Amino acid sequence: MRNKINKRNKLACVLSYKGQTRKCFARDWDHLKQRGSEAIRRTWYLWCNVNLADLHSVSSNEWHGIVYSVCGKSINVRVYDREDRVKEAAKLLGSIGGSSGTGKKKVRGDSNYYRVLRYKGLEKQRKKHDKSNNK
């Protein structure tokens, strides 16, 4: 029987070098070593073995550290667990608008809400642009 491969990317990694940042995503820590070194090579043309043992735990779902390229250049690394972040964001969005009832702020969550919100912003910009052209 074949084991099903988990294709969901649980970990996110933010790489920073000389003011530029690059994100990469991975299923697990071993996959992150591979994806991190590929991202560094593609973005900054540096060869690097991402050693995740040197990362320091900042919180229960976030780690910070530095990896060094073969030529000695340091790259800042921040790794965080995406599953926990999604749960935290959902919890925060659910708490907006009070603890009970169905207020205006509680109607978030579906894609149509954000589509309508974007259209309202575009309409507002268009009216502002028309008003400035008519003067």
C-alpha atoms as a PDB file:
ATOM      1  CA  MET A   1       0.000   0.000   0.000  1.00  0.00           C
ATOM      2  CA  ARG A   2       1.352   3.405  -0.943  1.00  0.00           C
ATOM      3  CA  ASN A   3       1.595   6.149   1.625  1.00  0.00           C
ATOM      4  CA  LYS A   4      -0.102   9.331   0.565  1.00  0.00           C
ATOM      5  CA  ILE A   5       2.331  12.234   0.265  1.00  0.00           C
ATOM      6  CA  ASN A   6       1.276  15.335   2.162  1.00  0.00           C
ATOM      7  CA  LYS A   7       1.433  18.087  -0.463  1.00  0.00           C
ATOM      8  CA  ARG A   8       0.411  20.849   1.894  1.00  0.00           C
ATOM      9  CA  ASN A   9       3.175  23.315   2.673  1.00  0.00           C
ATOM     10  CA  LYS A  10       3.269  23.651   6.440  1.00  0.00           C
ATOM     11  CA  LEU A  11       6.409  25.767   6.736  1.00  0.00           C
ATOM     12  CA  ALA A  12       7.206  29.172   5.278  1.00  0.00           C
ATOM     13  CA  CYS A  13      10.694  30.636   5.132  1.00  0.00           C
ATOM     14  CA  VAL A  14      11.629  34.295   4.613  1.00  0.00           C
ATOM     15  CA  LEU A  15      15.193  34.768   3.373  1.00  0.00           C
ATOM     16  CA  SER A  16      16.817  38.228   3.583  1.00  0.00           C
ATOM     17  CA  TYR A  17      20.085  39.343   1.998  1.00  0.00           C
ATOM     18  CA  LYS A  18      21.251  42.922   1.328  1.00  0.00           C
ATOM     19  CA  GLY A  19      17.773  44.395   1.829  1.00  0.00           C
ATOM     20  CA  GLN A  20      16.047  41.933  -0.516  1.00  0.00           C
ATOM     21  CA  THR A  21      13.655  39.267   0.733  1.00  0.00           C
ATOM     22  CA  ARG A  22      12.488  36.014  -0.784  1.00  0.00           C
ATOM     23  CA  LYS A  23       9.882  33.563   0.478  1.00  0.00           C
ATOM     24  CA  CYS A  24       9.826  29.826   0.019  1.00  0.00           C
ATOM     25  CA  PHE A  25       7.467  27.148   1.309  1.00  0.00           C
ATOM     26  CA  ALA A  26       7.981  23.515   2.300  1.00  0.00           C
ATOM     27  CA  ARG A  27       6.162  20.474   3.627  1.00  0.00           C
ATOM     28  CA  ASP A  28       8.636  19.644   6.390  1.00  0.00           C
ATOM     29  CA  TRP A  29      12.113  20.531   7.680  1.00  0.00           C
ATOM     30  CA  ASP A  30      13.980  18.282   5.231  1.00  0.00           C
ATOM     31  CA  HIS A  31      12.052  19.717   2.309  1.00  0.00           C
ATOM     32  CA  LEU A  32      12.802  23.227   3.621  1.00  0.00           C
ATOM     33  CA  LYS A  33      16.561  22.580   3.446  1.00  0.00           C
ATOM     34  CA  GLN A  34      16.206  21.792  -0.245  1.00  0.00           C
ATOM     35  CA  ARG A  35      13.773  24.591  -1.085  1.00  0.00           C
ATOM     36  CA  GLY A  36      15.755  27.196   0.895  1.00  0.00           C
ATOM     37  CA  SER A  37      19.031  26.480  -0.866  1.00  0.00           C
ATOM     38  CA  GLU A  38      17.252  26.519  -4.267  1.00  0.00           C
ATOM     39  CA  ALA A  39      15.666  29.898  -3.478  1.00  0.00           C
ATOM     40  CA  ILE A  40      19.023  31.368  -2.426  1.00  0.00           C
ATOM     41  CA  ARG A  41      20.714  30.072  -5.549  1.00  0.00           C
ATOM     42  CA  ARG A  42      17.977  31.377  -7.881  1.00  0.00           C
ATOM     43  CA  THR A  43      17.653  34.800  -6.271  1.00  0.00           C
ATOM     44  CA  TRP A  44      21.194  35.787  -5.302  1.00  0.00           C
ATOM     45  CA  TYR A  45      23.293  33.226  -7.239  1.00  0.00           C
ATOM     46  CA  LEU A  46      24.909  32.024  -4.011  1.00  0.00           C
ATOM     47  CA  TRP A  47      25.594  28.394  -3.144  1.00  0.00           C
ATOM     48  CA  CYS A  48      24.470  27.525   0.351  1.00  0.00           C
ATOM     49  CA  ASN A  49      23.600  24.539   2.526  1.00  0.00           C
ATOM     50  CA  VAL A  50      20.717  25.604   4.725  1.00  0.00           C
ATOM     51  CA  ASN A  51      21.621  24.342   8.202  1.00  0.00           C
ATOM     52  CA  LEU A  52      18.406  24.555  10.199  1.00  0.00           C
ATOM     53  CA  ALA A  53      20.010  23.268  13.414  1.00  0.00           C
ATOM     54  CA  ASP A  54      21.341  26.790  14.098  1.00  0.00           C
ATOM     55  CA  LEU A  55      17.894  28.416  14.161  1.00  0.00           C
ATOM     56  CA  HIS A  56      16.708  29.858  17.473  1.00  0.00           C
ATOM     57  CA  SER A  57      13.112  29.493  18.584  1.00  0.00           C
ATOM     58  CA  VAL A  58      11.407  32.873  18.950  1.00  0.00           C
ATOM     59  CA  SER A  59       7.961  31.494  19.735  1.00  0.00           C
ATOM     60  CA  SER A  60       6.183  28.158  19.499  1.00  0.00           C
ATOM     61  CA  ASN A  61       5.750  28.564  15.744  1.00  0.00           C
ATOM     62  CA  GLU A  62       8.612  30.858  14.649  1.00  0.00           C
ATOM     63  CA  TRP A  63      12.406  30.431  14.332  1.00  0.00           C
ATOM     64  CA  HIS A  64      15.123  32.945  13.375  1.00  0.00           C
ATOM     65  CA  GLY A  65      18.736  32.434  12.385  1.00  0.00           C
ATOM     66  CA  ILE A  66      21.544  32.991   9.896  1.00  0.00           C
ATOM     67  CA  VAL A  67      22.925  30.671   7.228  1.00  0.00           C
ATOM     68  CA  TYR A  68      26.219  31.218   5.456  1.00  0.00           C
ATOM     69  CA  SER A  69      26.954  30.746   1.777  1.00  0.00           C
ATOM     70  CA  VAL A  70      30.051  28.924   0.538  1.00  0.00           C
ATOM     71  CA  CYS A  71      31.796  32.280  -0.005  1.00  0.00           C
ATOM     72  CA  GLY A  72      31.003  33.399   3.581  1.00  0.00           C
ATOM     73  CA  LYS A  73      28.063  35.755   2.996  1.00  0.00           C
ATOM     74  CA  SER A  74      25.358  35.677   5.674  1.00  0.00           C
ATOM     75  CA  ILE A  75      21.675  35.308   4.869  1.00  0.00           C
ATOM     76  CA  ASN A  76      18.995  35.964   7.497  1.00  0.00           C
ATOM     77  CA  VAL A  77      16.398  33.218   7.809  1.00  0.00           C
ATOM     78  CA  ARG A  78      12.962  33.349   9.460  1.00  0.00           C
ATOM     79  CA  VAL A  79      10.898  30.163   9.480  1.00  0.00           C
ATOM     80  CA  TYR A  80       7.331  29.930  10.704  1.00  0.00           C
ATOM     81  CA  ASP A  81       4.649  27.291  10.846  1.00  0.00           C
ATOM     82  CA  ARG A  82       1.839  28.380   8.526  1.00  0.00           C
ATOM     83  CA  GLU A  83      -0.868  26.195  10.077  1.00  0.00           C
ATOM     84  CA  ASP A  84      -0.679  28.006  13.396  1.00  0.00           C
ATOM     85  CA  ARG A  85      -0.707  31.414  11.678  1.00  0.00           C
ATOM     86  CA  VAL A  86      -3.879  30.596   9.746  1.00  0.00           C
ATOM     87  CA  LYS A  87      -5.596  29.492  12.941  1.00  0.00           C
ATOM     88  CA  GLU A  88      -4.504  32.677  14.728  1.00  0.00           C
ATOM     89  CA  ALA A  89      -5.731  34.876  11.870  1.00  0.00           C
ATOM     90  CA  ALA A  90      -9.099  33.108  11.790  1.00  0.00           C
ATOM     91  CA  LYS A  91      -9.419  33.563  15.531  1.00  0.00           C
ATOM     92  CA  LEU A  92      -8.660  37.286  15.251  1.00  0.00           C
ATOM     93  CA  LEU A  93     -11.078  37.792  12.358  1.00  0.00           C
ATOM     94  CA  GLY A  94     -13.805  35.970  14.276  1.00  0.00           C
ATOM     95  CA  SER A  95     -13.364  38.248  17.266  1.00  0.00           C
ATOM     96  CA  ILE A  96     -13.871  41.438  15.220  1.00  0.00           C
ATOM     97  CA  GLY A  97     -17.270  43.025  15.691  1.00  0.00           C
ATOM     98  CA  GLY A  98     -18.052  41.796  19.194  1.00  0.00           C
ATOM     99  CA  SER A  99     -18.542  38.447  20.783  1.00  0.00           C
ATOM    100  CA  SER A 100     -22.162  37.873  19.798  1.00  0.00           C
ATOM    101  CA  GLY A 101     -24.657  38.828  17.147  1.00  0.00           C
ATOM    102  CA  THR A 102     -24.352  39.219  13.405  1.00  0.00           C
ATOM    103  CA  GLY A 103     -23.009  42.716  12.942  1.00  0.00           C
ATOM    104  CA  LYS A 104     -21.685  44.302   9.780  1.00  0.00           C
ATOM    105  CA  LYS A 105     -18.106  43.358  10.655  1.00  0.00           C
ATOM    106  CA  LYS A 106     -19.030  39.680  11.175  1.00  0.00           C
ATOM    107  CA  VAL A 107     -19.931  39.162   7.499  1.00  0.00           C
ATOM    108  CA  ARG A 108     -16.356  38.431   6.440  1.00  0.00           C
ATOM    109  CA  GLY A 109     -14.970  35.193   5.184  1.00  0.00           C
ATOM    110  CA  ASP A 110     -16.462  34.479   1.787  1.00  0.00           C
ATOM    111  CA  SER A 111     -14.686  35.493  -1.415  1.00  0.00           C
ATOM    112  CA  ASN A 112     -17.616  37.623  -2.549  1.00  0.00           C
ATOM    113  CA  TYR A 113     -17.081  39.991   0.411  1.00  0.00           C
ATOM    114  CA  TYR A 114     -13.529  40.789  -0.679  1.00  0.00           C
ATOM    115  CA  ARG A 115     -14.537  41.081  -4.356  1.00  0.00           C
ATOM    116  CA  VAL A 116     -17.236  43.640  -3.499  1.00  0.00           C
ATOM    117  CA  LEU A 117     -14.786  45.483  -1.236  1.00  0.00           C
ATOM    118  CA  ARG A 118     -12.261  45.726  -4.080  1.00  0.00           C
ATOM    119  CA  TYR A 119     -14.924  47.010  -6.498  1.00  0.00           C
ATOM    120  CA  LYS A 120     -16.004  49.659  -3.996  1.00  0.00           C
ATOM    121  CA  GLY A 121     -12.406  50.878  -3.764  1.00  0.00           C
ATOM    122  CA  LEU A 122     -12.055  50.999  -7.550  1.00  0.00           C
ATOM    123  CA  GLU A 123     -15.340  52.882  -7.868  1.00  0.00           C
ATOM    124  CA  LYS A 124     -14.190  55.411  -5.261  1.00  0.00           C
ATOM    125  CA  GLN A 125     -10.907  55.948  -7.144  1.00  0.00           C
ATOM    126  CA  ARG A 126     -12.768  56.394 -10.434  1.00  0.00           C
ATOM    127  CA  LYS A 127     -15.094  59.018  -8.927  1.00  0.00           C
ATOM    128  CA  LYS A 128     -12.149  60.860  -7.407  1.00  0.00           C
ATOM    129  CA  HIS A 129     -10.341  60.803 -10.756  1.00  0.00           C
ATOM    130  CA  ASP A 130     -13.435  62.076 -12.621  1.00  0.00           C
ATOM    131  CA  LYS A 131     -13.936  64.853 -10.078  1.00  0.00           C
ATOM    132  CA  SER A 132     -10.324  66.038 -10.446  1.00  0.00           C
ATOM    133  CA  ASN A 133     -10.563  65.989 -14.275  1.00  0.00           C
ATOM    134  CA  ASN A 134     -13.776  68.059 -14.307  1.00  0.00           C
ATOM    135  CA  LYS A 135     -12.164  70.969 -12.415  1.00  0.00           C
END
